[in-house]
Structure formats: structure tokens, C-alpha cells
């Protein structure tokens, strides 16, 4: 199957989707984050085919989201890179949305304990400048230095 390439778009959301937009990729990252790091462990836990998992892992390594490390002769495990650790932050925001809107009566499938304070909590976006909460209602989107000019009207 041909992948649509969003990497060249002047949009950070599209570029991020190019890396993790395929449905298995966030789940692979989640597993590596929680310590399921070996190919067969990931495959078994997700119920994913060997071929698809190999493709996803190869892509995530090429994208510098995961690093492939040998732990025994011809045996490898995967670890998050700095980019991968930051993508886990994105996944935690997605999980908060899923917990609120899709968990139903059973409640969230996992909880997050903040190591600093010990509280069981959820991720909240805050402004890096002033520390107050941020959401879609409190943010204006402005053109950045990497913006492309709009296409001329025909």
C-alpha cells in the first residue's frame, strides 16, 4: 500500500502525522514507553502481524523516534529516543481525550501517577511563558517563520 507523504507540508500537525499517523505507530510507542520493548513481546501484546510490525519499527527507527539496540546475539529491543519521549507526551494528551470522551462507565483503562508529587492525574497543556492552562479557546494561531505564502487565487 502506498503511503501518503505529509512530511513536505508546511504544517507541524501534518509532519507529525507523517511520522505517527498510521494507526499502529502510537500503539507501538505506547508499548515501548511502558517497557514492552522486544519484537515478539510487542507483536504478541498488540496482535499485529510480523510484517506490519517490522515495517512500523523500521519507519519509527528511520524517523529517529525509536532506537534499535542489540541485547543478545541477533536479538534487538527498541527504546525511545528524545523525539520518541516527546511523542509520548502527545499520546498522553490523546489518552486524556479518550478517557473523557470514550472510556464509558468502566472508566480509563490506565492511570497516570506524577512522579514529582505522587498524584494520580492527567496531562494538562500549560503555557510555557506564563504557566496558565491552554486550550483551543485561549490560543490564537499566527503565521510562523516556516509558513508558506498562500497560493494565488485563480
N, C-alpha and C. Protein backbone atom coordinates (compact mmCIF):
# COMPACT_ATOMS: atom_id res chain seq x y z
N UNK A 1 0.84 -1.17 0.00
CA UNK A 1 0.00 0.00 0.00
C UNK A 1 0.89 1.25 0.00
N UNK A 2 0.57 2.21 -0.84
CA UNK A 2 1.31 3.46 -0.95
C UNK A 2 0.96 4.38 0.21
N UNK A 3 1.99 4.88 0.91
CA UNK A 3 1.77 5.83 1.99
C UNK A 3 1.66 7.24 1.44
N UNK A 4 0.72 8.02 1.93
CA UNK A 4 0.65 9.43 1.57
C UNK A 4 1.74 10.14 2.35
N UNK A 5 2.52 10.97 1.67
CA UNK A 5 3.63 11.68 2.30
C UNK A 5 3.18 13.07 2.73
N UNK A 6 3.04 13.25 4.04
CA UNK A 6 2.67 14.56 4.59
C UNK A 6 3.89 15.33 5.07
N UNK A 7 5.07 14.71 5.01
CA UNK A 7 6.29 15.30 5.56
C UNK A 7 6.72 16.60 4.93
N UNK A 8 6.33 16.84 3.68
CA UNK A 8 6.74 18.06 2.99
C UNK A 8 5.80 19.22 3.17
N UNK A 9 4.68 19.01 3.85
CA UNK A 9 3.72 20.09 4.04
C UNK A 9 4.24 21.09 5.08
N UNK A 10 3.90 22.35 4.88
CA UNK A 10 4.28 23.39 5.84
C UNK A 10 3.25 23.42 6.97
N UNK A 11 3.17 22.30 7.70
CA UNK A 11 2.20 22.15 8.80
C UNK A 11 2.79 21.15 9.78
N UNK A 12 2.98 21.57 11.01
CA UNK A 12 3.58 20.69 12.02
C UNK A 12 2.67 19.52 12.36
N UNK A 13 1.36 19.69 12.26
CA UNK A 13 0.45 18.57 12.50
C UNK A 13 0.61 17.54 11.39
N UNK A 14 0.66 17.99 10.14
CA UNK A 14 0.84 17.07 9.02
C UNK A 14 2.18 16.35 9.11
N UNK A 15 3.22 17.05 9.48
CA UNK A 15 4.55 16.43 9.59
C UNK A 15 4.57 15.40 10.71
N UNK A 16 3.88 15.68 11.81
CA UNK A 16 3.79 14.72 12.90
C UNK A 16 2.97 13.51 12.47
N UNK A 17 1.87 13.75 11.77
CA UNK A 17 1.05 12.65 11.26
C UNK A 17 1.84 11.79 10.30
N UNK A 18 2.77 12.38 9.57
CA UNK A 18 3.61 11.61 8.66
C UNK A 18 4.43 10.58 9.43
N UNK A 19 4.83 10.92 10.64
CA UNK A 19 5.66 10.02 11.46
C UNK A 19 4.79 9.01 12.21
N UNK A 20 3.71 9.46 12.85
CA UNK A 20 2.94 8.54 13.71
C UNK A 20 1.47 8.43 13.33
N UNK A 21 1.09 8.88 12.16
CA UNK A 21 -0.32 8.89 11.77
C UNK A 21 -0.88 7.52 11.42
N UNK A 22 -0.05 6.57 11.11
CA UNK A 22 -0.51 5.21 10.82
C UNK A 22 -1.00 4.61 12.14
N UNK A 23 -2.15 3.94 12.17
CA UNK A 23 -2.75 3.54 13.45
C UNK A 23 -1.89 2.68 14.38
N UNK A 24 -0.99 1.86 13.86
CA UNK A 24 -0.20 1.00 14.74
C UNK A 24 0.92 1.77 15.45
N UNK A 25 1.41 2.83 14.85
CA UNK A 25 2.59 3.51 15.39
C UNK A 25 2.40 4.04 16.80
N UNK A 26 1.30 4.75 17.12
CA UNK A 26 1.14 5.20 18.51
C UNK A 26 1.06 4.04 19.50
N UNK A 27 0.50 2.92 19.07
CA UNK A 27 0.39 1.77 19.96
C UNK A 27 1.76 1.13 20.19
N UNK A 28 2.58 1.09 19.15
CA UNK A 28 3.95 0.59 19.31
C UNK A 28 4.71 1.50 20.28
N UNK A 29 4.58 2.81 20.10
CA UNK A 29 5.25 3.76 21.00
C UNK A 29 4.77 3.60 22.44
N UNK A 30 3.47 3.44 22.61
CA UNK A 30 2.92 3.22 23.95
C UNK A 30 3.56 1.99 24.60
N UNK A 31 3.65 0.91 23.83
CA UNK A 31 4.22 -0.32 24.39
C UNK A 31 5.67 -0.13 24.79
N UNK A 32 6.46 0.50 23.93
CA UNK A 32 7.87 0.72 24.26
C UNK A 32 7.97 1.61 25.50
N UNK A 33 7.13 2.62 25.59
CA UNK A 33 7.14 3.51 26.75
C UNK A 33 6.88 2.75 28.05
N UNK A 34 5.97 1.79 28.04
CA UNK A 34 5.63 1.07 29.27
C UNK A 34 6.53 -0.15 29.51
N UNK A 35 7.53 -0.36 28.63
CA UNK A 35 8.51 -1.40 28.88
C UNK A 35 8.36 -2.66 28.05
N UNK A 36 7.45 -2.66 27.10
CA UNK A 36 7.31 -3.79 26.17
C UNK A 36 8.18 -3.44 24.96
N UNK A 37 9.43 -3.91 24.96
CA UNK A 37 10.44 -3.37 24.05
C UNK A 37 10.96 -4.34 23.00
N UNK A 38 10.63 -5.60 23.12
CA UNK A 38 11.16 -6.61 22.20
C UNK A 38 10.10 -6.97 21.16
N UNK A 39 10.56 -7.27 19.94
CA UNK A 39 9.69 -7.52 18.80
C UNK A 39 8.57 -8.50 19.14
N UNK A 40 8.92 -9.68 19.63
CA UNK A 40 7.90 -10.69 19.90
C UNK A 40 6.93 -10.27 21.00
N UNK A 41 7.43 -9.52 21.99
CA UNK A 41 6.55 -9.01 23.05
C UNK A 41 5.53 -8.03 22.47
N UNK A 42 6.02 -7.11 21.65
CA UNK A 42 5.15 -6.10 21.04
C UNK A 42 4.12 -6.79 20.14
N UNK A 43 4.59 -7.72 19.32
CA UNK A 43 3.71 -8.43 18.40
C UNK A 43 2.61 -9.17 19.15
N UNK A 44 3.00 -9.88 20.19
CA UNK A 44 2.03 -10.65 20.97
C UNK A 44 1.03 -9.73 21.67
N UNK A 45 1.50 -8.67 22.28
CA UNK A 45 0.62 -7.79 23.03
C UNK A 45 -0.37 -7.07 22.11
N UNK A 46 0.07 -6.69 20.91
CA UNK A 46 -0.81 -5.96 20.00
C UNK A 46 -1.62 -6.87 19.08
N UNK A 47 -1.16 -8.10 18.89
CA UNK A 47 -1.82 -8.97 17.92
C UNK A 47 -1.61 -8.50 16.50
N UNK A 48 -0.47 -7.93 16.22
CA UNK A 48 -0.11 -7.36 14.93
C UNK A 48 0.70 -8.38 14.13
N UNK A 49 0.61 -8.33 12.82
CA UNK A 49 1.38 -9.27 12.01
C UNK A 49 2.87 -8.92 12.06
N UNK A 50 3.71 -9.91 11.84
CA UNK A 50 5.16 -9.70 11.84
C UNK A 50 5.55 -8.66 10.79
N UNK A 51 4.96 -8.77 9.60
CA UNK A 51 5.30 -7.86 8.51
C UNK A 51 4.96 -6.41 8.85
N UNK A 52 3.75 -6.19 9.34
CA UNK A 52 3.33 -4.83 9.67
C UNK A 52 4.18 -4.27 10.80
N UNK A 53 4.44 -5.08 11.84
CA UNK A 53 5.26 -4.60 12.95
C UNK A 53 6.67 -4.28 12.48
N UNK A 54 7.25 -5.12 11.66
CA UNK A 54 8.60 -4.86 11.14
C UNK A 54 8.63 -3.54 10.37
N UNK A 55 7.60 -3.30 9.55
CA UNK A 55 7.53 -2.03 8.80
C UNK A 55 7.40 -0.84 9.73
N UNK A 56 6.54 -0.94 10.73
CA UNK A 56 6.35 0.16 11.67
C UNK A 56 7.62 0.44 12.45
N UNK A 57 8.27 -0.60 12.96
CA UNK A 57 9.50 -0.40 13.72
C UNK A 57 10.59 0.20 12.84
N UNK A 58 10.72 -0.28 11.62
CA UNK A 58 11.72 0.26 10.70
C UNK A 58 11.46 1.75 10.47
N UNK A 59 10.20 2.11 10.23
CA UNK A 59 9.85 3.51 9.99
C UNK A 59 10.13 4.37 11.23
N UNK A 60 9.77 3.88 12.40
CA UNK A 60 9.99 4.66 13.62
C UNK A 60 11.48 4.82 13.93
N UNK A 61 12.29 3.84 13.60
CA UNK A 61 13.74 3.97 13.76
C UNK A 61 14.28 4.97 12.74
N UNK A 62 13.85 4.85 11.47
CA UNK A 62 14.29 5.80 10.43
C UNK A 62 13.88 7.23 10.78
N UNK A 63 12.76 7.39 11.45
CA UNK A 63 12.26 8.72 11.83
C UNK A 63 12.87 9.22 13.13
N UNK A 64 13.81 8.46 13.70
CA UNK A 64 14.50 8.82 14.93
C UNK A 64 13.55 8.98 16.12
N UNK A 65 12.52 8.13 16.14
CA UNK A 65 11.59 8.09 17.26
C UNK A 65 11.95 6.93 18.19
N UNK A 66 12.42 5.84 17.60
CA UNK A 66 12.91 4.69 18.35
C UNK A 66 14.35 4.41 17.96
N UNK A 67 15.07 3.80 18.86
CA UNK A 67 16.42 3.32 18.60
C UNK A 67 16.40 1.80 18.76
N UNK A 68 17.06 1.11 17.87
CA UNK A 68 17.12 -0.36 17.91
C UNK A 68 18.45 -0.75 18.53
N UNK A 69 18.40 -1.51 19.63
CA UNK A 69 19.62 -1.89 20.34
C UNK A 69 19.70 -3.41 20.48
N UNK A 70 20.89 -3.93 20.31
CA UNK A 70 21.10 -5.35 20.47
C UNK A 70 21.24 -5.67 21.96
N UNK A 71 20.48 -6.65 22.44
CA UNK A 71 20.60 -7.06 23.84
C UNK A 71 21.20 -8.46 23.96
N UNK A 72 21.25 -9.21 22.87
CA UNK A 72 21.89 -10.53 22.81
C UNK A 72 22.23 -10.74 21.32
N UNK A 73 22.99 -11.77 21.03
CA UNK A 73 23.39 -12.02 19.65
C UNK A 73 22.15 -12.12 18.75
N UNK A 74 22.08 -11.22 17.78
CA UNK A 74 20.96 -11.18 16.82
C UNK A 74 19.59 -10.98 17.47
N UNK A 75 19.57 -10.40 18.65
CA UNK A 75 18.31 -10.07 19.35
C UNK A 75 18.32 -8.58 19.64
N UNK A 76 17.21 -7.93 19.32
CA UNK A 76 17.14 -6.48 19.48
C UNK A 76 15.93 -6.08 20.31
N UNK A 77 16.07 -4.92 20.92
CA UNK A 77 14.94 -4.29 21.60
C UNK A 77 14.90 -2.84 21.15
N UNK A 78 13.82 -2.19 21.45
CA UNK A 78 13.60 -0.83 21.00
C UNK A 78 13.46 0.09 22.20
N UNK A 79 14.06 1.26 22.10
CA UNK A 79 13.97 2.27 23.16
C UNK A 79 13.59 3.60 22.53
N UNK A 80 12.93 4.42 23.31
CA UNK A 80 12.54 5.74 22.84
C UNK A 80 13.75 6.65 22.73
N UNK A 81 13.81 7.42 21.66
CA UNK A 81 14.79 8.49 21.54
C UNK A 81 14.21 9.73 22.21
N UNK A 82 14.94 10.82 22.17
CA UNK A 82 14.41 12.08 22.70
C UNK A 82 13.12 12.45 21.96
N UNK A 83 13.13 12.31 20.63
CA UNK A 83 11.91 12.58 19.85
C UNK A 83 10.77 11.67 20.29
N UNK A 84 11.09 10.41 20.51
CA UNK A 84 10.07 9.45 20.93
C UNK A 84 9.48 9.79 22.28
N UNK A 85 10.33 10.21 23.22
CA UNK A 85 9.83 10.59 24.55
C UNK A 85 8.88 11.78 24.44
N UNK A 86 9.20 12.74 23.57
CA UNK A 86 8.30 13.88 23.39
C UNK A 86 6.99 13.47 22.73
N UNK A 87 7.03 12.48 21.83
CA UNK A 87 5.79 11.98 21.23
C UNK A 87 4.91 11.28 22.27
N UNK A 88 5.51 10.69 23.28
CA UNK A 88 4.71 10.09 24.35
C UNK A 88 3.89 11.17 25.05
N UNK A 89 4.43 12.38 25.16
CA UNK A 89 3.65 13.49 25.72
C UNK A 89 2.37 13.70 24.91
N UNK A 90 2.50 13.64 23.59
CA UNK A 90 1.33 13.79 22.70
C UNK A 90 0.34 12.65 22.96
N UNK A 91 0.86 11.44 23.12
CA UNK A 91 -0.01 10.29 23.38
C UNK A 91 -0.77 10.45 24.70
N UNK A 92 -0.13 11.05 25.71
CA UNK A 92 -0.81 11.25 26.98
C UNK A 92 -1.95 12.26 26.84
N UNK A 93 -1.78 13.26 25.99
CA UNK A 93 -2.87 14.20 25.72
C UNK A 93 -4.00 13.48 24.99
N UNK A 94 -3.64 12.62 24.02
CA UNK A 94 -4.66 11.83 23.32
C UNK A 94 -5.40 10.92 24.30
N UNK A 95 -4.66 10.32 25.22
CA UNK A 95 -5.28 9.43 26.21
C UNK A 95 -6.26 10.21 27.08
N UNK A 96 -5.92 11.43 27.45
CA UNK A 96 -6.84 12.23 28.27
C UNK A 96 -8.14 12.45 27.53
N UNK A 97 -8.05 12.77 26.23
CA UNK A 97 -9.25 12.96 25.42
C UNK A 97 -10.06 11.66 25.36
N UNK A 98 -9.39 10.54 25.12
CA UNK A 98 -10.07 9.25 25.07
C UNK A 98 -10.70 8.88 26.39
N UNK A 99 -10.02 9.18 27.50
CA UNK A 99 -10.56 8.90 28.83
C UNK A 99 -11.85 9.71 29.06
N UNK A 100 -11.84 10.96 28.62
CA UNK A 100 -13.00 11.82 28.85
C UNK A 100 -14.18 11.44 27.96
N UNK A 101 -13.91 11.18 26.69
CA UNK A 101 -15.00 11.05 25.73
C UNK A 101 -15.33 9.61 25.33
N UNK A 102 -14.44 8.65 25.57
CA UNK A 102 -14.66 7.30 25.05
C UNK A 102 -14.57 6.18 26.08
N UNK A 103 -14.16 6.47 27.31
CA UNK A 103 -13.95 5.40 28.29
C UNK A 103 -15.25 4.78 28.80
N UNK A 104 -16.33 5.51 28.75
CA UNK A 104 -17.61 4.97 29.20
C UNK A 104 -17.66 4.77 30.70
N UNK A 105 -18.60 3.94 31.12
CA UNK A 105 -18.81 3.71 32.55
C UNK A 105 -17.65 2.98 33.22
N UNK A 106 -16.90 2.21 32.44
CA UNK A 106 -15.78 1.46 33.01
C UNK A 106 -14.66 2.39 33.49
N UNK A 107 -14.57 3.56 32.90
CA UNK A 107 -13.52 4.50 33.27
C UNK A 107 -12.25 4.25 32.48
N UNK A 108 -11.23 5.05 32.74
CA UNK A 108 -9.99 4.94 31.97
C UNK A 108 -9.29 3.59 32.18
N UNK A 109 -8.70 3.05 31.11
CA UNK A 109 -8.01 1.77 31.24
C UNK A 109 -6.68 1.85 31.99
N UNK A 110 -6.06 3.01 32.02
CA UNK A 110 -4.82 3.20 32.78
C UNK A 110 -4.89 4.54 33.51
N UNK A 111 -4.11 4.67 34.56
CA UNK A 111 -3.99 5.92 35.31
C UNK A 111 -2.56 6.40 35.21
N UNK A 112 -2.37 7.69 35.39
CA UNK A 112 -1.04 8.29 35.33
C UNK A 112 -0.69 8.87 36.69
N UNK A 113 0.42 8.38 37.27
CA UNK A 113 0.91 8.92 38.54
C UNK A 113 2.09 9.83 38.25
N UNK A 114 1.98 11.06 38.69
CA UNK A 114 3.05 12.04 38.52
C UNK A 114 4.16 11.75 39.51
N UNK A 115 5.36 11.45 39.03
CA UNK A 115 6.46 11.06 39.91
C UNK A 115 6.87 12.18 40.86
N UNK A 116 6.72 13.42 40.45
CA UNK A 116 7.15 14.54 41.28
C UNK A 116 6.31 14.68 42.54
N UNK A 117 4.98 14.62 42.39
CA UNK A 117 4.11 14.84 43.56
C UNK A 117 3.42 13.57 44.03
N UNK A 118 3.44 12.51 43.22
CA UNK A 118 2.79 11.27 43.60
C UNK A 118 1.31 11.21 43.30
N UNK A 119 0.75 12.31 42.78
CA UNK A 119 -0.68 12.34 42.48
C UNK A 119 -1.03 11.53 41.24
N UNK A 120 -2.21 10.89 41.29
CA UNK A 120 -2.75 10.22 40.11
C UNK A 120 -3.57 11.26 39.38
N UNK A 121 -3.17 11.59 38.16
CA UNK A 121 -3.70 12.76 37.50
C UNK A 121 -3.80 12.55 36.00
N UNK A 122 -3.97 13.63 35.27
CA UNK A 122 -3.98 13.62 33.81
C UNK A 122 -3.13 14.78 33.31
N UNK A 123 -2.79 14.73 32.04
CA UNK A 123 -1.96 15.76 31.44
C UNK A 123 -2.83 16.98 31.12
N UNK A 124 -2.30 18.15 31.38
CA UNK A 124 -2.95 19.41 31.03
C UNK A 124 -1.94 20.27 30.30
N UNK A 125 -2.36 20.89 29.21
CA UNK A 125 -1.47 21.80 28.50
C UNK A 125 -1.38 23.12 29.25
N UNK A 126 -0.15 23.62 29.41
CA UNK A 126 0.04 24.92 30.03
C UNK A 126 0.96 25.76 29.16
N UNK A 127 0.84 27.05 29.27
CA UNK A 127 1.67 27.99 28.52
C UNK A 127 3.10 27.94 29.04
N UNK A 128 4.05 27.78 28.14
CA UNK A 128 5.46 27.73 28.53
C UNK A 128 5.95 29.08 29.05
N UNK A 129 5.26 30.19 28.70
CA UNK A 129 5.68 31.52 29.17
C UNK A 129 5.10 31.88 30.53
N UNK A 130 3.78 31.69 30.71
CA UNK A 130 3.16 32.15 31.96
C UNK A 130 2.66 31.04 32.86
N UNK A 131 2.62 29.80 32.38
CA UNK A 131 2.21 28.67 33.21
C UNK A 131 0.72 28.45 33.36
N UNK A 132 -0.11 29.28 32.73
CA UNK A 132 -1.55 29.10 32.84
C UNK A 132 -2.02 28.03 31.84
N UNK A 133 -3.18 27.40 32.13
CA UNK A 133 -3.68 26.38 31.21
C UNK A 133 -3.96 26.94 29.82
N UNK A 134 -3.77 26.08 28.82
CA UNK A 134 -4.03 26.43 27.42
C UNK A 134 -5.04 25.44 26.86
N UNK A 135 -5.93 25.95 25.99
CA UNK A 135 -6.81 25.08 25.22
C UNK A 135 -7.18 25.82 23.93
N UNK A 136 -7.99 25.19 23.12
CA UNK A 136 -8.33 25.77 21.82
C UNK A 136 -9.03 27.12 21.95
N UNK A 137 -9.70 27.37 23.06
CA UNK A 137 -10.41 28.64 23.25
C UNK A 137 -9.50 29.78 23.70
N UNK A 138 -8.26 29.47 24.10
CA UNK A 138 -7.38 30.52 24.64
C UNK A 138 -6.13 30.74 23.80
N UNK A 139 -6.12 30.20 22.58
CA UNK A 139 -4.94 30.30 21.73
C UNK A 139 -5.32 30.90 20.38
N UNK A 140 -4.50 31.81 19.89
CA UNK A 140 -4.62 32.32 18.53
C UNK A 140 -3.51 31.69 17.71
N UNK A 141 -3.81 31.30 16.49
CA UNK A 141 -2.82 30.70 15.60
C UNK A 141 -2.34 31.78 14.64
N UNK A 142 -1.03 32.02 14.65
CA UNK A 142 -0.41 33.06 13.83
C UNK A 142 0.58 32.43 12.85
N UNK A 143 0.85 33.07 11.73
CA UNK A 143 1.88 32.52 10.83
C UNK A 143 3.24 32.53 11.49
N UNK A 144 3.98 31.44 11.32
CA UNK A 144 5.32 31.35 11.87
C UNK A 144 6.37 31.55 10.80
N UNK A 145 7.64 31.52 11.20
CA UNK A 145 8.72 31.76 10.24
C UNK A 145 8.77 30.71 9.12
N UNK A 146 8.23 29.52 9.35
CA UNK A 146 8.26 28.48 8.32
C UNK A 146 7.00 28.42 7.48
N UNK A 147 6.09 29.39 7.66
CA UNK A 147 4.83 29.40 6.90
C UNK A 147 5.14 29.69 5.43
N UNK A 148 4.34 29.09 4.58
CA UNK A 148 4.44 29.36 3.14
C UNK A 148 3.34 30.34 2.78
N UNK A 149 3.62 31.24 1.81
CA UNK A 149 2.56 32.18 1.40
C UNK A 149 1.40 31.42 0.76
N UNK A 150 0.19 31.94 0.90
CA UNK A 150 -0.97 31.26 0.30
C UNK A 150 -0.82 31.19 -1.22
N UNK A 151 -1.42 30.15 -1.81
CA UNK A 151 -1.40 30.02 -3.26
C UNK A 151 -2.23 31.15 -3.89
N UNK A 152 -1.77 31.67 -5.03
CA UNK A 152 -2.52 32.76 -5.68
C UNK A 152 -3.90 32.25 -6.13
N UNK A 153 -4.88 33.13 -6.01
CA UNK A 153 -6.24 32.79 -6.44
C UNK A 153 -6.28 32.74 -7.97
N UNK A 154 -7.05 31.79 -8.48
CA UNK A 154 -7.13 31.70 -9.95
C UNK A 154 -8.35 32.34 -10.50
